[in-house]
Amino acid sequence: MLRRAIIAWHECAQETMNRAGLRCSLSLITNDHRNIDQSEADAVFLVGTSLQDSKNGLSFPVFLMIADLFRTFSSFDIPADNGYINQRTLIRALNESDLPHRITEPAAKQIFQATGQDEINFATFCFAVITYNRWFMYANTMGSGKVFMNLDEFLALMHDSLVPD
């Protein structure tokens, strides 16, 4: 993935990645190199710009994260601009896929439980995977295997008014 992302960045970006460059690069990083609709690229760009301060173009680290999430989501054959996936389909696709990914079946179940939705779109998928990964990283105490706080407690902490945005 990293090699494809570097090639895509080199071919399609200048100092930052704009919407047109993102469309170009997403077609290079998908496994089937399919033609990406501009509406899909716009949806991915919107998610990417929400993760950084600059709204004019994506930085390489944000592009790398979003490209990896897009590659995973698009492997389910669901468009990123208006497609939704349910829990059963997501888990089945993850189990059947030979695509490396960082989301497991228990993680997918917890994501759907935390969102309280039957289906999620690309933006929710990105937010959920990023949030779950942060929780998993911080909740496990010093590699002991003991969970410091559960996901619901972590989400409550994120919404606490004492925690700055």
C-alpha atoms as a PDB file:
ATOM      1  CA  MET A   1       0.000   0.000   0.000  1.00  0.00           C
ATOM      2  CA  LEU A   2       2.739   2.456   0.911  1.00  0.00           C
ATOM      3  CA  ARG A   3       4.490   1.968  -2.413  1.00  0.00           C
ATOM      4  CA  ARG A   4       1.267   2.557  -4.342  1.00  0.00           C
ATOM      5  CA  ALA A   5       0.502   5.639  -2.255  1.00  0.00           C
ATOM      6  CA  ILE A   6       3.940   7.113  -2.913  1.00  0.00           C
ATOM      7  CA  ILE A   7       3.578   6.511  -6.651  1.00  0.00           C
ATOM      8  CA  ALA A   8       0.066   7.997  -6.612  1.00  0.00           C
ATOM      9  CA  TRP A   9       1.306  11.051  -4.715  1.00  0.00           C
ATOM     10  CA  HIS A  10       4.179  11.525  -7.138  1.00  0.00           C
ATOM     11  CA  GLU A  11       1.920  11.163 -10.196  1.00  0.00           C
ATOM     12  CA  CYS A  12      -1.130  13.122  -9.008  1.00  0.00           C
ATOM     13  CA  ALA A  13      -0.161  15.695  -6.354  1.00  0.00           C
ATOM     14  CA  GLN A  14       1.830  18.873  -6.096  1.00  0.00           C
ATOM     15  CA  GLU A  15       2.693  20.051  -2.567  1.00  0.00           C
ATOM     16  CA  THR A  16      -0.742  18.969  -1.386  1.00  0.00           C
ATOM     17  CA  MET A  17      -3.424  16.755  -2.891  1.00  0.00           C
ATOM     18  CA  ASN A  18      -6.389  18.600  -4.431  1.00  0.00           C
ATOM     19  CA  ARG A  19      -9.723  17.057  -5.469  1.00  0.00           C
ATOM     20  CA  ALA A  20      -8.667  16.247  -9.025  1.00  0.00           C
ATOM     21  CA  GLY A  21      -5.371  14.808  -7.816  1.00  0.00           C
ATOM     22  CA  LEU A  22      -7.196  12.692  -5.286  1.00  0.00           C
ATOM     23  CA  ARG A  23      -9.409  11.194  -7.977  1.00  0.00           C
ATOM     24  CA  CYS A  24      -6.299  10.355 -10.000  1.00  0.00           C
ATOM     25  CA  SER A  25      -4.511   8.831  -7.005  1.00  0.00           C
ATOM     26  CA  LEU A  26      -7.466   6.796  -5.745  1.00  0.00           C
ATOM     27  CA  SER A  27      -7.688   4.998  -9.077  1.00  0.00           C
ATOM     28  CA  LEU A  28      -3.993   4.086  -8.702  1.00  0.00           C
ATOM     29  CA  ILE A  29      -4.271   2.714  -5.154  1.00  0.00           C
ATOM     30  CA  THR A  30      -7.364   0.527  -5.551  1.00  0.00           C
ATOM     31  CA  ASN A  31      -6.708  -3.135  -6.211  1.00  0.00           C
ATOM     32  CA  ASP A  32      -8.649  -3.159  -9.472  1.00  0.00           C
ATOM     33  CA  HIS A  33      -7.459   0.319 -10.615  1.00  0.00           C
ATOM     34  CA  ARG A  34     -11.074   1.166 -11.404  1.00  0.00           C
ATOM     35  CA  ASN A  35     -12.212   4.546 -12.636  1.00  0.00           C
ATOM     36  CA  ILE A  36     -13.212   6.652  -9.622  1.00  0.00           C
ATOM     37  CA  ASP A  37     -16.204   8.988  -9.966  1.00  0.00           C
ATOM     38  CA  GLN A  38     -15.527  12.597  -8.998  1.00  0.00           C
ATOM     39  CA  SER A  39     -18.364  12.383  -6.452  1.00  0.00           C
ATOM     40  CA  GLU A  40     -16.522   9.523  -4.705  1.00  0.00           C
ATOM     41  CA  ALA A  41     -13.277  11.493  -4.722  1.00  0.00           C
ATOM     42  CA  ASP A  42     -15.140  14.517  -3.327  1.00  0.00           C
ATOM     43  CA  ALA A  43     -16.574  12.419  -0.481  1.00  0.00           C
ATOM     44  CA  VAL A  44     -13.103  11.088   0.352  1.00  0.00           C
ATOM     45  CA  PHE A  45     -11.611  14.598   0.088  1.00  0.00           C
ATOM     46  CA  LEU A  46     -14.223  15.925   2.515  1.00  0.00           C
ATOM     47  CA  VAL A  47     -13.338  13.241   5.061  1.00  0.00           C
ATOM     48  CA  GLY A  48      -9.636  13.970   4.580  1.00  0.00           C
ATOM     49  CA  THR A  49      -9.961  17.717   5.064  1.00  0.00           C
ATOM     50  CA  SER A  50     -11.967  17.128   8.244  1.00  0.00           C
ATOM     51  CA  LEU A  51      -8.874  15.434   9.695  1.00  0.00           C
ATOM     52  CA  GLN A  52      -6.560  18.417   9.232  1.00  0.00           C
ATOM     53  CA  ASP A  53      -6.517  22.185   9.651  1.00  0.00           C
ATOM     54  CA  SER A  54      -5.947  23.074   5.992  1.00  0.00           C
ATOM     55  CA  LYS A  55      -9.018  22.720   3.780  1.00  0.00           C
ATOM     56  CA  ASN A  56      -7.220  23.530   0.502  1.00  0.00           C
ATOM     57  CA  GLY A  57      -5.513  20.204  -0.041  1.00  0.00           C
ATOM     58  CA  LEU A  58      -4.573  16.996   1.722  1.00  0.00           C
ATOM     59  CA  SER A  59      -1.175  16.505   3.313  1.00  0.00           C
ATOM     60  CA  PHE A  60       0.666  13.270   2.569  1.00  0.00           C
ATOM     61  CA  PRO A  61       0.032  11.684   6.018  1.00  0.00           C
ATOM     62  CA  VAL A  62      -3.717  12.396   5.767  1.00  0.00           C
ATOM     63  CA  PHE A  63      -3.763  11.171   2.163  1.00  0.00           C
ATOM     64  CA  LEU A  64      -2.037   7.956   3.235  1.00  0.00           C
ATOM     65  CA  MET A  65      -4.588   7.289   5.994  1.00  0.00           C
ATOM     66  CA  ILE A  66      -7.591   8.133   3.805  1.00  0.00           C
ATOM     67  CA  ALA A  67      -6.227   6.140   0.851  1.00  0.00           C
ATOM     68  CA  ASP A  68      -5.830   3.055   3.056  1.00  0.00           C
ATOM     69  CA  LEU A  69      -9.381   3.423   4.398  1.00  0.00           C
ATOM     70  CA  PHE A  70     -10.746   4.007   0.884  1.00  0.00           C
ATOM     71  CA  ARG A  71      -8.935   0.940  -0.427  1.00  0.00           C
ATOM     72  CA  THR A  72     -10.481  -1.159   2.337  1.00  0.00           C
ATOM     73  CA  PHE A  73     -13.982   0.313   1.912  1.00  0.00           C
ATOM     74  CA  SER A  74     -13.900   0.071  -1.882  1.00  0.00           C
ATOM     75  CA  SER A  75     -12.906  -3.595  -1.649  1.00  0.00           C
ATOM     76  CA  PHE A  76     -16.495  -4.195  -0.463  1.00  0.00           C
ATOM     77  CA  ASP A  77     -17.727  -3.001  -3.916  1.00  0.00           C
ATOM     78  CA  ILE A  78     -19.600  -0.097  -2.337  1.00  0.00           C
ATOM     79  CA  PRO A  79     -19.269   3.461  -3.672  1.00  0.00           C
ATOM     80  CA  ALA A  80     -17.763   5.895  -1.157  1.00  0.00           C
ATOM     81  CA  ASP A  81     -20.058   8.775  -2.103  1.00  0.00           C
ATOM     82  CA  ASN A  82     -23.445   7.224  -1.338  1.00  0.00           C
ATOM     83  CA  GLY A  83     -22.921   3.575  -0.430  1.00  0.00           C
ATOM     84  CA  TYR A  84     -23.740   1.968   2.883  1.00  0.00           C
ATOM     85  CA  ILE A  85     -22.622  -1.332   4.351  1.00  0.00           C
ATOM     86  CA  ASN A  86     -24.276  -3.323   7.116  1.00  0.00           C
ATOM     87  CA  GLN A  87     -22.519  -5.248   9.871  1.00  0.00           C
ATOM     88  CA  ARG A  88     -23.083  -8.717   8.421  1.00  0.00           C
ATOM     89  CA  THR A  89     -21.796  -7.724   4.976  1.00  0.00           C
ATOM     90  CA  LEU A  90     -18.787  -5.930   6.460  1.00  0.00           C
ATOM     91  CA  ILE A  91     -17.764  -8.883   8.614  1.00  0.00           C
ATOM     92  CA  ARG A  92     -18.284 -11.378   5.773  1.00  0.00           C
ATOM     93  CA  ALA A  93     -16.253  -9.195   3.391  1.00  0.00           C
ATOM     94  CA  LEU A  94     -13.447  -8.787   5.938  1.00  0.00           C
ATOM     95  CA  ASN A  95     -13.296 -12.539   6.537  1.00  0.00           C
ATOM     96  CA  GLU A  96     -13.358 -13.398   2.814  1.00  0.00           C
ATOM     97  CA  SER A  97     -10.909 -10.713   1.773  1.00  0.00           C
ATOM     98  CA  ASP A  98      -7.240 -11.350   1.237  1.00  0.00           C
ATOM     99  CA  LEU A  99      -6.725  -7.600   1.487  1.00  0.00           C
ATOM    100  CA  PRO A 100      -4.700  -6.683   4.582  1.00  0.00           C
ATOM    101  CA  HIS A 101      -6.664  -4.452   6.923  1.00  0.00           C
ATOM    102  CA  ARG A 102      -6.503  -3.242  10.501  1.00  0.00           C
ATOM    103  CA  ILE A 103     -10.106  -3.943  11.431  1.00  0.00           C
ATOM    104  CA  THR A 104     -11.151  -7.239  12.976  1.00  0.00           C
ATOM    105  CA  GLU A 105     -14.538  -8.887  13.449  1.00  0.00           C
ATOM    106  CA  PRO A 106     -14.806  -7.844  17.140  1.00  0.00           C
ATOM    107  CA  ALA A 107     -13.834  -4.303  16.121  1.00  0.00           C
ATOM    108  CA  ALA A 108     -16.533  -4.223  13.452  1.00  0.00           C
ATOM    109  CA  LYS A 109     -19.136  -5.412  15.946  1.00  0.00           C
ATOM    110  CA  GLN A 110     -18.094  -2.757  18.472  1.00  0.00           C
ATOM    111  CA  ILE A 111     -18.157  -0.060  15.794  1.00  0.00           C
ATOM    112  CA  PHE A 112     -21.749  -0.874  14.865  1.00  0.00           C
ATOM    113  CA  GLN A 113     -22.713  -1.093  18.527  1.00  0.00           C
ATOM    114  CA  ALA A 114     -21.092   2.287  19.279  1.00  0.00           C
ATOM    115  CA  THR A 115     -22.693   4.055  16.308  1.00  0.00           C
ATOM    116  CA  GLY A 116     -26.090   2.512  16.954  1.00  0.00           C
ATOM    117  CA  GLN A 117     -26.680   2.275  13.198  1.00  0.00           C
ATOM    118  CA  ASP A 118     -27.620  -0.712  11.068  1.00  0.00           C
ATOM    119  CA  GLU A 119     -25.574   0.569   8.109  1.00  0.00           C
ATOM    120  CA  ILE A 120     -22.622   2.926   7.828  1.00  0.00           C
ATOM    121  CA  ASN A 121     -21.243   4.978   4.940  1.00  0.00           C
ATOM    122  CA  PHE A 122     -17.633   5.794   4.070  1.00  0.00           C
ATOM    123  CA  ALA A 123     -17.385   8.849   6.350  1.00  0.00           C
ATOM    124  CA  THR A 124     -18.744   6.931   9.339  1.00  0.00           C
ATOM    125  CA  PHE A 125     -16.501   3.979   8.484  1.00  0.00           C
ATOM    126  CA  CYS A 126     -13.436   6.257   8.512  1.00  0.00           C
ATOM    127  CA  PHE A 127     -14.370   7.979  11.753  1.00  0.00           C
ATOM    128  CA  ALA A 128     -15.226   4.675  13.426  1.00  0.00           C
ATOM    129  CA  VAL A 129     -12.027   2.901  12.358  1.00  0.00           C
ATOM    130  CA  ILE A 130      -9.821   5.854  13.368  1.00  0.00           C
ATOM    131  CA  THR A 131     -11.607   6.223  16.726  1.00  0.00           C
ATOM    132  CA  TYR A 132     -11.551   2.481  17.391  1.00  0.00           C
ATOM    133  CA  ASN A 133      -7.831   2.302  16.629  1.00  0.00           C
ATOM    134  CA  ARG A 134      -7.142   5.206  19.027  1.00  0.00           C
ATOM    135  CA  TRP A 135      -9.229   3.576  21.744  1.00  0.00           C
ATOM    136  CA  PHE A 136      -7.553   0.212  21.216  1.00  0.00           C
ATOM    137  CA  MET A 137      -4.108   1.820  21.369  1.00  0.00           C
ATOM    138  CA  TYR A 138      -4.798   3.816  24.557  1.00  0.00           C
ATOM    139  CA  ALA A 139      -7.135   1.432  26.362  1.00  0.00           C
ATOM    140  CA  ASN A 140      -4.746  -1.494  26.504  1.00  0.00           C
ATOM    141  CA  THR A 141      -2.440  -0.822  29.418  1.00  0.00           C
ATOM    142  CA  MET A 142       1.220  -1.391  28.765  1.00  0.00           C
ATOM    143  CA  GLY A 143       0.750  -4.562  26.774  1.00  0.00           C
ATOM    144  CA  SER A 144      -0.735  -6.355  29.776  1.00  0.00           C
ATOM    145  CA  GLY A 145      -3.806  -7.376  27.803  1.00  0.00           C
ATOM    146  CA  LYS A 146      -6.034  -5.675  30.375  1.00  0.00           C
ATOM    147  CA  VAL A 147      -8.370  -3.041  29.016  1.00  0.00           C
ATOM    148  CA  PHE A 148      -8.059   0.266  30.863  1.00  0.00           C
ATOM    149  CA  MET A 149     -11.448   1.580  29.689  1.00  0.00           C
ATOM    150  CA  ASN A 150     -14.153   0.182  27.481  1.00  0.00           C
ATOM    151  CA  LEU A 151     -15.169   1.801  24.211  1.00  0.00           C
ATOM    152  CA  ASP A 152     -18.272   3.443  25.691  1.00  0.00           C
ATOM    153  CA  GLU A 153     -16.160   5.086  28.409  1.00  0.00           C
ATOM    154  CA  PHE A 154     -13.677   6.275  25.796  1.00  0.00           C
ATOM    155  CA  LEU A 155     -16.449   7.807  23.665  1.00  0.00           C
ATOM    156  CA  ALA A 156     -17.931   9.485  26.774  1.00  0.00           C
ATOM    157  CA  LEU A 157     -14.504  10.919  27.579  1.00  0.00           C
ATOM    158  CA  MET A 158     -14.229  12.301  24.044  1.00  0.00           C
ATOM    159  CA  HIS A 159     -17.557  14.129  24.539  1.00  0.00           C
ATOM    160  CA  ASP A 160     -16.576  15.515  27.960  1.00  0.00           C
ATOM    161  CA  SER A 161     -16.611  19.315  27.904  1.00  0.00           C
ATOM    162  CA  LEU A 162     -13.289  19.368  29.793  1.00  0.00           C
ATOM    163  CA  VAL A 163     -11.537  17.686  26.872  1.00  0.00           C
ATOM    164  CA  PRO A 164     -10.640  20.401  24.314  1.00  0.00           C
ATOM    165  CA  ASP A 165     -11.601  19.971  20.666  1.00  0.00           C
END
